[in-house]
C-alpha atoms as a PDB file:
ATOM      1  CA  UNK A   1      92.374 -35.578 109.092  1.00  0.00           C
ATOM      2  CA  UNK A   2      91.386 -32.745 106.419  1.00  0.00           C
ATOM      3  CA  UNK A   3      93.040 -31.917 103.048  1.00  0.00           C
ATOM      4  CA  UNK A   4      92.851 -29.482 100.453  1.00  0.00           C
ATOM      5  CA  UNK A   5      90.760 -30.334  97.664  1.00  0.00           C
ATOM      6  CA  UNK A   6      91.351 -29.347  93.981  1.00  0.00           C
ATOM      7  CA  UNK A   7      88.793 -31.526  92.077  1.00  0.00           C
ATOM      8  CA  UNK A   8      84.929 -31.754  92.404  1.00  0.00           C
ATOM      9  CA  UNK A   9      82.663 -30.581  95.301  1.00  0.00           C
ATOM     10  CA  UNK A  10      84.475 -30.107  98.917  1.00  0.00           C
ATOM     11  CA  UNK A  11      83.085 -32.287 101.444  1.00  0.00           C
ATOM     12  CA  UNK A  12      83.274 -29.879 104.848  1.00  0.00           C
ATOM     13  CA  UNK A  13      84.358 -32.892 107.133  1.00  0.00           C
ATOM     14  CA  UNK A  14      87.011 -33.726 104.877  1.00  0.00           C
ATOM     15  CA  UNK A  15      88.493 -30.447 103.013  1.00  0.00           C
ATOM     16  CA  UNK A  16      89.284 -27.332 104.309  1.00  0.00           C
ATOM     17  CA  UNK A  17      86.622 -24.765 103.091  1.00  0.00           C
ATOM     18  CA  UNK A  18      85.046 -21.683 104.272  1.00  0.00           C
ATOM     19  CA  UNK A  19      81.942 -21.333 106.214  1.00  0.00           C
ATOM     20  CA  UNK A  20      79.008 -21.083 103.599  1.00  0.00           C
ATOM     21  CA  UNK A  21      76.206 -20.780 106.292  1.00  0.00           C
ATOM     22  CA  UNK A  22      75.779 -16.876 105.569  1.00  0.00           C
ATOM     23  CA  UNK A  23      75.712 -17.389 101.906  1.00  0.00           C
ATOM     24  CA  UNK A  24      72.866 -20.072 102.121  1.00  0.00           C
ATOM     25  CA  UNK A  25      70.717 -17.631 104.202  1.00  0.00           C
ATOM     26  CA  UNK A  26      71.584 -15.098 101.285  1.00  0.00           C
ATOM     27  CA  UNK A  27      70.168 -17.175  98.881  1.00  0.00           C
ATOM     28  CA  UNK A  28      67.219 -18.610 100.669  1.00  0.00           C
ATOM     29  CA  UNK A  29      66.167 -15.125 101.228  1.00  0.00           C
ATOM     30  CA  UNK A  30      66.272 -14.529  97.316  1.00  0.00           C
ATOM     31  CA  UNK A  31      64.589 -17.686  96.809  1.00  0.00           C
ATOM     32  CA  UNK A  32      61.821 -16.939  99.133  1.00  0.00           C
ATOM     33  CA  UNK A  33      61.655 -13.359  97.356  1.00  0.00           C
ATOM     34  CA  UNK A  34      60.886 -15.222  94.125  1.00  0.00           C
ATOM     35  CA  UNK A  35      64.023 -14.016  92.752  1.00  0.00           C
ATOM     36  CA  UNK A  36      66.383 -15.418  90.346  1.00  0.00           C
ATOM     37  CA  UNK A  37      70.213 -15.951  90.688  1.00  0.00           C
ATOM     38  CA  UNK A  38      72.938 -17.174  89.092  1.00  0.00           C
ATOM     39  CA  UNK A  39      76.217 -18.732  90.342  1.00  0.00           C
ATOM     40  CA  UNK A  40      78.676 -18.100  87.510  1.00  0.00           C
ATOM     41  CA  UNK A  41      82.689 -17.907  88.320  1.00  0.00           C
ATOM     42  CA  UNK A  42      85.822 -19.401  86.842  1.00  0.00           C
ATOM     43  CA  UNK A  43      86.962 -22.683  87.123  1.00  0.00           C
ATOM     44  CA  UNK A  44      87.686 -24.266  90.416  1.00  0.00           C
ATOM     45  CA  UNK A  45      86.019 -21.383  92.000  1.00  0.00           C
ATOM     46  CA  UNK A  46      83.620 -23.665  94.045  1.00  0.00           C
ATOM     47  CA  UNK A  47      80.394 -23.681  92.172  1.00  0.00           C
ATOM     48  CA  UNK A  48      79.644 -27.749  92.638  1.00  0.00           C
ATOM     49  CA  UNK A  49      80.373 -27.151  96.300  1.00  0.00           C
ATOM     50  CA  UNK A  50      78.232 -24.172  96.520  1.00  0.00           C
ATOM     51  CA  UNK A  51      75.401 -26.028  94.677  1.00  0.00           C
ATOM     52  CA  UNK A  52      75.929 -29.142  96.867  1.00  0.00           C
ATOM     53  CA  UNK A  53      75.440 -27.056 100.409  1.00  0.00           C
ATOM     54  CA  UNK A  54      72.489 -25.368  98.788  1.00  0.00           C
ATOM     55  CA  UNK A  55      70.919 -28.367  98.211  1.00  0.00           C
ATOM     56  CA  UNK A  56      71.621 -29.810 101.628  1.00  0.00           C
ATOM     57  CA  UNK A  57      70.513 -26.437 103.207  1.00  0.00           C
ATOM     58  CA  UNK A  58      67.212 -26.591 101.182  1.00  0.00           C
ATOM     59  CA  UNK A  59      66.624 -29.869 102.055  1.00  0.00           C
ATOM     60  CA  UNK A  60      65.978 -28.906 105.866  1.00  0.00           C
ATOM     61  CA  UNK A  61      62.837 -26.719 104.561  1.00  0.00           C
ATOM     62  CA  UNK A  62      61.505 -29.392 102.300  1.00  0.00           C
ATOM     63  CA  UNK A  63      62.319 -27.600  98.790  1.00  0.00           C
ATOM     64  CA  UNK A  64      64.718 -30.271  97.756  1.00  0.00           C
ATOM     65  CA  UNK A  65      64.454 -34.262  97.706  1.00  0.00           C
ATOM     66  CA  UNK A  66      66.953 -36.738  97.126  1.00  0.00           C
ATOM     67  CA  UNK A  67      67.002 -39.477  94.590  1.00  0.00           C
ATOM     68  CA  UNK A  68      65.430 -41.662  97.228  1.00  0.00           C
ATOM     69  CA  UNK A  69      62.299 -39.411  97.785  1.00  0.00           C
ATOM     70  CA  UNK A  70      63.523 -38.198 101.265  1.00  0.00           C
END
């Protein structure tokens, strides 16, 4: 059963959240173009969730490795 999360990163299978796929595609396009970007918002706006989702999305393309090297 999903719940609302008010602390830390949201986990899509556990928490209610918006679909970030379209944002991940836009950010990946910016990275591919060599552009800089910032994620700057107020407290509890989803910055950690966005960065976690971005890491997971970029792992699919081999841009990011996890601590265990995969």
